[in-house]
Amino acid sequence: MEPRSHSGSLALRDLHCPHCGSLNAEGEARCRRCGRRLLTTVARAGGGDSERGAGGGGEAGARPAVRARQAALFDDRPKIIPIETVTRPRAARPQPRRQERSPGARAAIRAAQQPLDLRGPAVARPKAVTYDAPVARPGVRLKAAAWDAVLVAAGVAVAAAAFRFLGGELIWSGKAVLPSLVTVLALVFAYGLFWSLLGCESAGMQFMKLRLLTFDGQTPTWGQYVGRFLLTWLSIAAAGIGLIWVLIDDEALTFHDHVSKTFPTVWHPRPTTSHRY
């Protein structure tokens, strides 16, 4: 009974895979789960064999032969390489220490630091007026022209009244309109030419305290007065572009100012000092 139990325990042990421990059917050469070879017995001791062994030579019994185990084809170690074994931790870079500054030092640095000018250098343009006297503003010049227009209108009204008083008839329709306009323009031209021939400013300019000077601060000559007057009419005839030029000029000069080399300025007379005795 003992050999049977021994052989039976051996067969039961062989049915379990020594690698993964799974149970396999009797007669299986490889494990169904992991595919490895199983330890199986080649021959087991039976009842007839034991009797022949006892009669033939008195041997205790033949020991079951065990088939040689094939060496494992693969290593049992894990196939996954951990990342920590390949990559090395990067050493932290030392951070530079910041120098702490006092509030007084920071304020001194901000005061000493100049702002950066990112604009390109401006092109320096030479000024036309080299004298220190300021050029009259366009508003003041317009008021002076308005006063001259009022005086011219008053003169036209006086001439029309005299013409009507002498028995003439004023007609403002048909072909009589053009001669009337030519007469009015002739009076305006004569008014400006009168002051230019005198070599002085017009009545409107004198009322607004405007004085003509050359670019170097001298009093204009008679020819400069007359030339300025003719250039003024040229500026008006060119659709007023010569007068509008004052709005875009850097020194608020018109076209006839640039050509005649003269400009109007506000005249401030010096106060006279009275002596007391």
Protein backbone atom coordinates (compact mmCIF):
# COMPACT_ATOMS: atom_id res chain seq x y z
CA MET A 1 0.00 0.00 0.00
CA GLU A 2 2.80 2.39 0.63
CA PRO A 3 4.19 2.33 -2.96
CA ARG A 4 0.77 3.07 -4.35
CA SER A 5 0.28 6.00 -2.08
CA HIS A 6 3.74 7.21 -2.92
CA SER A 7 3.20 6.92 -6.62
CA GLY A 8 -0.21 8.51 -6.34
CA SER A 9 1.15 11.54 -4.48
CA LEU A 10 3.87 11.84 -7.07
CA ALA A 11 1.38 11.81 -9.92
CA LEU A 12 -0.83 14.36 -8.20
CA ARG A 13 2.19 16.55 -7.59
CA ASP A 14 3.22 16.29 -11.21
CA LEU A 15 -0.20 17.42 -12.40
CA HIS A 16 0.43 20.85 -10.85
CA CYS A 17 2.72 23.15 -12.82
CA PRO A 18 5.80 23.93 -10.71
CA HIS A 19 6.05 27.37 -12.38
CA CYS A 20 2.55 28.87 -12.23
CA GLY A 21 0.84 26.27 -9.96
CA SER A 22 -2.10 25.62 -12.30
CA LEU A 23 -3.74 22.17 -12.39
CA ASN A 24 -3.33 20.18 -15.64
CA ALA A 25 -4.87 16.94 -16.89
CA GLU A 26 -2.99 13.69 -16.56
CA GLY A 27 -0.81 13.00 -19.54
CA GLU A 28 -0.23 16.67 -20.45
CA ALA A 29 3.35 17.37 -21.44
CA ARG A 30 3.13 21.20 -21.17
CA CYS A 31 1.18 23.51 -18.94
CA ARG A 32 -1.99 24.89 -20.46
CA ARG A 33 -1.49 28.24 -18.80
CA CYS A 34 2.21 29.11 -19.13
CA GLY A 35 3.29 26.53 -21.74
CA ARG A 36 6.18 25.16 -19.68
CA ARG A 37 7.05 21.43 -19.50
CA LEU A 38 5.57 19.39 -16.71
CA LEU A 39 7.40 16.77 -14.53
CA THR A 40 5.84 13.41 -15.44
CA THR A 41 6.79 9.88 -14.43
CA VAL A 42 7.94 7.44 -17.09
CA ALA A 43 6.97 4.27 -15.19
CA ARG A 44 5.10 3.65 -11.97
CA ALA A 45 5.49 0.62 -9.77
CA GLY A 46 2.45 -1.75 -10.11
CA GLY A 47 1.34 -4.88 -8.36
CA GLY A 48 2.57 -7.30 -11.08
CA ASP A 49 5.89 -5.65 -11.39
CA SER A 50 6.46 -5.76 -7.65
CA GLU A 51 5.79 -9.45 -7.62
CA ARG A 52 8.21 -10.08 -10.47
CA GLY A 53 10.74 -8.01 -8.70
CA ALA A 54 10.27 -9.99 -5.51
CA GLY A 55 10.53 -13.39 -7.25
CA GLY A 56 13.38 -12.53 -9.53
CA GLY A 57 15.92 -10.96 -7.29
CA GLY A 58 14.33 -9.90 -4.05
CA GLU A 59 14.59 -6.22 -4.95
CA ALA A 60 12.46 -3.86 -2.92
CA GLY A 61 10.96 -2.26 -6.00
CA ALA A 62 11.99 -0.27 -8.94
CA ARG A 63 12.21 3.53 -8.33
CA PRO A 64 10.21 5.43 -10.92
CA ALA A 65 12.35 7.12 -13.51
CA VAL A 66 11.82 10.85 -13.93
CA ARG A 67 12.08 12.51 -17.29
CA ALA A 68 14.79 15.12 -17.45
CA ARG A 69 13.49 18.68 -17.17
CA GLN A 70 14.23 21.03 -20.02
CA ALA A 71 15.92 24.27 -19.11
CA ALA A 72 13.72 27.37 -19.19
CA LEU A 73 13.89 29.28 -22.44
CA PHE A 74 13.12 32.69 -20.86
CA ASP A 75 14.21 34.40 -17.73
CA ASP A 76 11.65 34.84 -14.96
CA ARG A 77 12.78 38.39 -14.25
CA PRO A 78 10.38 41.18 -15.22
CA LYS A 79 10.82 42.55 -18.76
CA ILE A 80 9.80 46.13 -17.94
CA ILE A 81 12.70 48.45 -17.26
CA PRO A 82 11.77 51.12 -14.74
CA ILE A 83 12.36 54.65 -15.90
CA GLU A 84 14.18 55.58 -12.74
CA THR A 85 17.06 53.24 -13.61
CA VAL A 86 17.61 54.88 -17.02
CA THR A 87 17.06 58.55 -16.41
CA ARG A 88 18.95 60.39 -13.78
CA PRO A 89 17.32 63.15 -11.83
CA ARG A 90 18.37 66.57 -13.05
CA ALA A 91 20.23 68.55 -10.50
CA ALA A 92 18.60 71.84 -9.55
CA ARG A 93 20.45 74.89 -10.78
CA PRO A 94 21.54 77.28 -8.09
CA GLN A 95 19.51 80.48 -8.22
CA PRO A 96 21.48 83.73 -7.99
CA ARG A 97 20.78 85.71 -4.90
CA ARG A 98 19.10 89.02 -5.42
CA GLN A 99 20.62 91.99 -3.77
CA GLU A 100 18.08 93.76 -1.64
CA ARG A 101 18.18 97.52 -2.04
CA SER A 102 16.81 100.10 0.29
CA PRO A 103 13.87 102.33 -0.79
CA GLY A 104 16.18 105.34 -0.86
CA ALA A 105 18.57 103.62 -3.29
CA ARG A 106 15.67 102.62 -5.55
CA ALA A 107 14.34 106.17 -5.64
CA ALA A 108 17.83 107.50 -6.50
CA ILE A 109 18.16 105.01 -9.37
CA ARG A 110 14.74 105.94 -10.77
CA ALA A 111 15.54 109.64 -10.57
CA ALA A 112 18.91 109.19 -12.28
CA GLN A 113 17.56 106.97 -15.07
CA GLN A 114 16.49 108.91 -18.13
CA PRO A 115 13.53 107.77 -20.29
CA LEU A 116 14.43 106.31 -23.67
CA ASP A 117 13.33 108.34 -26.68
CA LEU A 118 12.39 105.77 -29.32
CA ARG A 119 11.35 108.36 -31.88
CA GLY A 120 13.59 109.21 -34.76
CA PRO A 121 15.52 112.46 -34.74
CA ALA A 122 13.41 115.33 -36.01
CA VAL A 123 14.69 117.16 -39.04
CA ALA A 124 15.76 120.62 -37.97
CA ARG A 125 14.19 123.18 -40.28
CA PRO A 126 15.66 126.67 -40.35
CA LYS A 127 13.15 129.35 -39.39
CA ALA A 128 12.21 131.90 -41.97
CA VAL A 129 11.72 134.66 -39.40
CA THR A 130 15.04 135.32 -37.73
CA TYR A 131 13.72 138.22 -35.66
CA ASP A 132 12.43 137.64 -32.15
CA ALA A 133 9.06 139.35 -32.76
CA PRO A 134 6.18 136.82 -32.84
CA VAL A 135 4.10 136.39 -35.98
CA ALA A 136 0.53 137.63 -35.58
CA ARG A 137 -2.05 134.90 -35.09
CA PRO A 138 -4.50 134.12 -37.91
CA GLY A 139 -7.43 135.31 -35.77
CA VAL A 140 -5.92 138.76 -35.28
CA ARG A 141 -5.15 139.08 -39.00
CA LEU A 142 -8.70 138.06 -39.85
CA LYS A 143 -10.12 140.78 -37.57
CA ALA A 144 -7.90 143.35 -39.27
CA ALA A 145 -9.17 142.24 -42.70
CA ALA A 146 -12.76 142.47 -41.41
CA TRP A 147 -12.21 146.08 -40.31
CA ASP A 148 -10.80 146.90 -43.76
CA ALA A 149 -13.84 145.25 -45.36
CA VAL A 150 -16.16 147.40 -43.24
CA LEU A 151 -14.34 150.54 -44.36
CA VAL A 152 -14.50 149.46 -48.00
CA ALA A 153 -18.22 148.70 -47.68
CA ALA A 154 -18.76 152.12 -46.15
CA GLY A 155 -16.91 153.71 -49.05
CA VAL A 156 -19.01 151.77 -51.59
CA ALA A 157 -22.18 152.85 -49.82
CA VAL A 158 -21.10 156.51 -49.90
CA ALA A 159 -20.25 156.25 -53.63
CA ALA A 160 -23.63 154.63 -54.40
CA ALA A 161 -25.47 157.29 -52.43
CA ALA A 162 -23.63 160.07 -54.29
CA PHE A 163 -24.39 158.39 -57.63
CA ARG A 164 -28.07 158.14 -56.69
CA PHE A 165 -28.12 161.75 -55.50
CA LEU A 166 -26.70 162.96 -58.81
CA GLY A 167 -29.61 161.33 -60.67
CA GLY A 168 -28.17 157.95 -61.53
CA GLU A 169 -30.14 154.71 -61.29
CA LEU A 170 -28.79 151.61 -59.58
CA ILE A 171 -29.73 148.42 -61.44
CA TRP A 172 -28.79 145.02 -59.86
CA SER A 173 -30.23 142.71 -62.50
CA GLY A 174 -29.34 141.53 -65.97
CA LYS A 175 -26.25 142.89 -67.64
CA ALA A 176 -25.79 145.63 -65.03
CA VAL A 177 -24.62 143.17 -62.33
CA LEU A 178 -21.19 142.53 -63.85
CA PRO A 179 -20.21 146.21 -64.18
CA SER A 180 -21.36 146.82 -60.61
CA LEU A 181 -19.18 143.97 -59.27
CA VAL A 182 -16.20 145.23 -61.27
CA THR A 183 -16.71 148.67 -59.75
CA VAL A 184 -16.76 147.24 -56.22
CA LEU A 185 -13.59 145.20 -56.82
CA ALA A 186 -11.90 148.30 -58.27
CA LEU A 187 -12.70 150.21 -55.09
CA VAL A 188 -11.28 147.40 -52.94
CA PHE A 189 -8.12 147.31 -55.06
CA ALA A 190 -7.73 151.06 -54.84
CA TYR A 191 -8.16 150.96 -51.07
CA GLY A 192 -5.31 148.48 -50.60
CA LEU A 193 -3.06 150.16 -53.15
CA PHE A 194 -3.54 153.50 -51.40
CA TRP A 195 -2.02 152.26 -48.16
CA SER A 196 0.76 150.38 -49.99
CA LEU A 197 1.80 153.50 -51.88
CA LEU A 198 1.92 155.37 -48.60
CA GLY A 199 4.30 152.71 -47.27
CA CYS A 200 2.30 151.91 -44.14
CA GLU A 201 -0.19 149.46 -42.78
CA SER A 202 -3.90 149.61 -43.66
CA ALA A 203 -6.49 151.14 -41.35
CA GLY A 204 -7.67 147.73 -40.15
CA MET A 205 -4.13 146.65 -39.31
CA GLN A 206 -3.50 149.87 -37.44
CA PHE A 207 -6.73 149.42 -35.51
CA MET A 208 -5.62 145.91 -34.43
CA LYS A 209 -2.11 147.25 -33.65
CA LEU A 210 -0.39 145.19 -36.36
CA ARG A 211 2.92 146.23 -37.87
CA LEU A 212 4.77 144.87 -40.88
CA LEU A 213 8.41 143.82 -40.43
CA THR A 214 10.92 142.02 -42.57
CA PHE A 215 12.24 138.60 -41.54
CA ASP A 216 15.31 140.23 -40.01
CA GLY A 217 13.26 142.79 -38.05
CA GLN A 218 13.62 145.83 -40.35
CA THR A 219 10.88 148.17 -41.60
CA PRO A 220 9.80 147.19 -45.14
CA THR A 221 10.64 149.49 -48.03
CA TRP A 222 8.09 151.06 -50.36
CA GLY A 223 8.72 148.38 -52.98
CA GLN A 224 8.15 145.61 -50.41
CA TYR A 225 4.82 147.16 -49.42
CA VAL A 226 3.64 147.27 -53.03
CA GLY A 227 4.97 143.79 -53.80
CA ARG A 228 3.23 142.37 -50.75
CA PHE A 229 -0.05 143.96 -51.82
CA LEU A 230 0.13 142.44 -55.33
CA LEU A 231 1.08 139.02 -53.94
CA THR A 232 -1.91 139.20 -51.58
CA TRP A 233 -4.23 139.52 -54.58
CA LEU A 234 -2.43 136.57 -56.19
CA SER A 235 -3.09 134.45 -53.08
CA ILE A 236 -6.79 135.38 -53.23
CA ALA A 237 -7.04 134.67 -56.96
CA ALA A 238 -5.62 131.14 -56.49
CA ALA A 239 -8.87 130.05 -54.78
CA GLY A 240 -7.56 131.43 -51.49
CA ILE A 241 -4.83 128.77 -51.23
CA GLY A 242 -2.21 131.38 -50.42
CA LEU A 243 -4.27 132.50 -47.42
CA ILE A 244 -5.08 128.96 -46.26
CA TRP A 245 -1.33 128.29 -46.23
CA VAL A 246 -1.22 129.97 -42.81
CA LEU A 247 -3.02 126.98 -41.24
CA ILE A 248 -0.35 124.43 -42.23
CA ASP A 249 2.76 126.55 -41.95
CA ASP A 250 5.02 126.03 -38.92
CA GLU A 251 5.40 129.75 -38.32
CA ALA A 252 1.84 130.75 -39.34
CA LEU A 253 3.04 132.55 -42.47
CA THR A 254 1.02 132.92 -45.67
CA PHE A 255 2.22 132.57 -49.24
CA HIS A 256 2.70 136.33 -49.75
CA ASP A 257 4.56 136.49 -46.41
CA HIS A 258 7.15 133.98 -47.63
CA VAL A 259 7.58 135.59 -51.04
CA SER A 260 7.72 139.21 -49.86
CA LYS A 261 9.90 138.31 -46.83
CA THR A 262 7.60 140.33 -44.56
CA PHE A 263 5.22 139.38 -41.76
CA PRO A 264 2.73 141.16 -39.49
CA THR A 265 3.36 141.29 -35.77
CA VAL A 266 1.52 142.83 -32.85
CA TRP A 267 3.15 146.15 -32.03
CA HIS A 268 3.52 146.98 -28.32
CA PRO A 269 4.83 150.51 -27.85
CA ARG A 270 7.24 151.06 -25.02
CA PRO A 271 5.70 152.91 -22.07
CA THR A 272 6.98 156.46 -21.69
CA THR A 273 8.36 157.39 -18.28
CA SER A 274 7.34 160.77 -16.87
CA HIS A 275 9.90 162.71 -14.90
CA ARG A 276 8.76 164.51 -11.81
CA TYR A 277 10.51 167.70 -10.71
